[in-house]
Protein backbone atom coordinates (compact mmCIF):
# COMPACT_ATOMS: atom_id res chain seq x y z
CA MET A 1 71.08 105.77 150.58
CA ASN A 2 73.08 108.86 151.53
CA ARG A 3 71.70 111.88 153.36
CA THR A 4 71.42 113.97 150.19
CA ARG A 5 69.07 111.46 148.63
CA ILE A 6 67.05 111.14 151.83
CA LEU A 7 66.62 114.92 151.99
CA LEU A 8 65.69 115.07 148.30
CA ALA A 9 63.29 112.15 148.67
CA GLY A 10 61.58 113.94 151.55
CA ALA A 11 61.22 117.12 149.51
CA THR A 12 59.90 115.09 146.58
CA VAL A 13 57.28 113.44 148.79
CA VAL A 14 56.16 116.85 150.09
CA ALA A 15 55.84 118.18 146.52
CA LEU A 16 53.99 115.03 145.42
CA VAL A 17 51.53 115.20 148.33
CA ALA A 18 50.91 118.91 147.67
CA THR A 19 50.34 118.25 143.98
CA THR A 20 48.03 115.31 144.65
CA GLY A 21 46.16 117.32 147.26
CA SER A 22 45.60 120.26 144.91
CA LEU A 23 44.26 117.91 142.25
CA PHE A 24 41.98 116.26 144.81
CA PHE A 25 40.56 119.63 145.88
CA SER A 26 39.77 120.64 142.31
CA LEU A 27 38.97 117.34 140.59
CA GLY A 28 37.72 115.31 143.55
CA LEU A 29 35.85 117.97 145.47
CA GLY A 30 35.07 120.26 142.54
CA LEU A 31 36.58 123.37 144.13
CA GLN A 32 37.44 126.12 141.63
CA PRO A 33 41.07 127.27 142.07
CA CYS A 34 41.55 131.04 142.27
CA GLU A 35 44.27 132.87 140.38
CA LEU A 36 46.77 132.71 143.23
CA CYS A 37 46.08 128.97 143.55
CA TRP A 38 47.01 128.56 139.90
CA TYR A 39 50.30 130.39 140.45
CA GLN A 40 51.08 128.10 143.38
CA ARG A 41 50.31 125.05 141.24
CA ILE A 42 52.53 126.37 138.45
CA LEU A 43 55.38 126.61 140.96
CA MET A 44 54.71 123.31 142.80
CA TYR A 45 54.02 120.84 139.99
CA PRO A 46 57.48 121.03 138.35
CA LEU A 47 59.09 120.45 141.74
CA VAL A 48 57.78 116.88 141.72
CA VAL A 49 59.74 116.12 138.56
CA VAL A 50 62.82 118.25 139.31
CA LEU A 51 63.22 116.90 142.84
CA GLY A 52 62.29 113.36 141.81
CA VAL A 53 64.97 113.23 139.12
CA ALA A 54 67.50 114.82 141.48
CA THR A 55 66.68 112.16 144.08
CA LEU A 56 67.40 109.38 141.60
CA ASP A 57 70.62 111.08 140.46
CA GLY A 58 71.72 112.17 143.95
CA ASP A 59 72.14 115.70 142.55
CA ASP A 60 73.17 117.98 145.42
CA GLN A 61 73.14 121.01 143.08
CA VAL A 62 69.42 120.79 142.30
CA TRP A 63 68.82 123.66 144.73
CA ARG A 64 69.93 125.97 141.89
CA THR A 65 66.84 124.96 139.90
CA ALA A 66 64.35 124.16 142.65
CA LEU A 67 65.02 126.93 145.17
CA PRO A 68 63.73 129.76 142.94
CA LEU A 69 60.50 127.80 142.38
CA SER A 70 59.98 126.98 146.06
CA THR A 71 60.89 130.50 147.21
CA ALA A 72 58.49 132.11 144.74
CA GLY A 73 55.83 129.61 145.81
CA THR A 74 56.42 130.48 149.46
CA ILE A 75 55.94 134.18 148.69
CA VAL A 76 52.72 133.61 146.72
CA ALA A 77 51.30 131.22 149.34
CA ALA A 78 52.22 133.61 152.18
CA TYR A 79 50.52 136.49 150.38
CA HIS A 80 47.47 134.31 149.69
CA SER A 81 47.31 133.31 153.37
CA TYR A 82 47.67 136.97 154.36
CA LEU A 83 44.69 137.85 152.14
CA GLN A 84 42.61 135.21 153.92
CA VAL A 85 43.50 136.58 157.33
CA ASN A 86 42.87 140.18 156.18
CA PRO A 87 39.95 140.02 153.73
CA ASP A 88 39.31 143.75 154.22
CA ILE A 89 42.24 144.74 152.02
CA GLY A 90 40.27 143.52 149.02
CA GLY A 91 42.60 141.10 147.27
CA VAL A 92 40.59 139.98 144.27
CA CYS A 93 41.44 137.25 141.80
CA GLY A 94 40.11 136.88 138.29
CA VAL A 95 39.23 133.18 138.60
CA GLY A 96 36.79 131.81 141.18
CA GLY A 97 36.15 135.07 143.03
CA GLY A 98 38.20 136.68 145.75
CA CYS A 99 41.46 135.18 146.89
CA ALA A 100 40.41 135.82 150.48
CA ALA A 101 37.59 133.27 150.17
CA ILE A 102 38.09 130.15 152.28
CA LEU A 103 36.60 127.28 150.30
CA TYR A 104 37.56 124.28 152.40
CA PRO A 105 38.54 125.10 155.99
CA MET A 106 40.11 122.28 157.99
CA VAL A 107 40.90 121.88 161.70
CA ARG A 108 38.31 124.50 162.70
CA GLY A 109 39.52 126.95 160.08
CA LEU A 110 43.16 126.82 161.15
CA LEU A 111 44.20 125.07 157.96
CA THR A 112 43.15 126.39 154.59
CA ILE A 113 44.33 125.39 151.15
CA PRO A 114 46.78 128.33 150.86
CA ARG A 115 48.17 127.56 154.34
CA LEU A 116 48.72 123.94 153.37
CA SER A 117 50.51 125.17 150.28
CA LEU A 118 52.60 127.53 152.40
CA VAL A 119 53.64 124.69 154.71
CA ALA A 120 54.63 122.55 151.72
CA PHE A 121 56.67 125.32 150.10
CA LEU A 122 58.35 126.14 153.42
CA LEU A 123 59.33 122.49 153.99
CA ILE A 124 60.75 122.18 150.48
CA THR A 125 62.57 125.51 150.73
CA ALA A 126 64.06 124.57 154.11
CA GLY A 127 65.31 121.27 152.73
CA LEU A 128 66.85 122.98 149.72
CA LEU A 129 68.55 125.57 151.92
CA VAL A 130 70.07 122.77 153.99
CA LEU A 131 71.27 121.15 150.78
CA ARG A 132 72.69 124.46 149.55
CA GLN A 133 74.55 125.20 152.78
CA ARG A 134 75.96 121.79 153.57
CA PRO A 135 76.15 119.40 150.62
CA ALA A 136 79.41 117.86 151.88
CA VAL A 137 77.93 117.11 155.31
CA LEU A 138 74.93 115.36 153.79
CA THR A 139 76.97 112.97 151.65
CA ARG A 140 78.70 111.36 154.64
């Protein structure tokens, strides 16, 4: 397996874990996703398929499709995390109450669902940027 496929497989695993985790939080734990959570899901879920197919094909140009999704997801997740740190600014969502609400804090409140999403989007985006910058290096 060449380095491109290893990088793509890693990004696919991150997207799959994030997708599975979001479904567990809502279906398993019964947590109601807010509006910003839905936007993050809309941007993450297709990455599982796009990156998975690219992994099988060894497509080093998939960054053209996946990078806009992961970058937009990073922005939404960062904004959502910012709202949680600064609840005073009054970011309100239409679904499930305020976006600043922390429904399931982990590791003494350090990790929240939007922060987990942010980490996943950042990892995927970083991998895609590596792929974009150095596809020839990865195929060696």
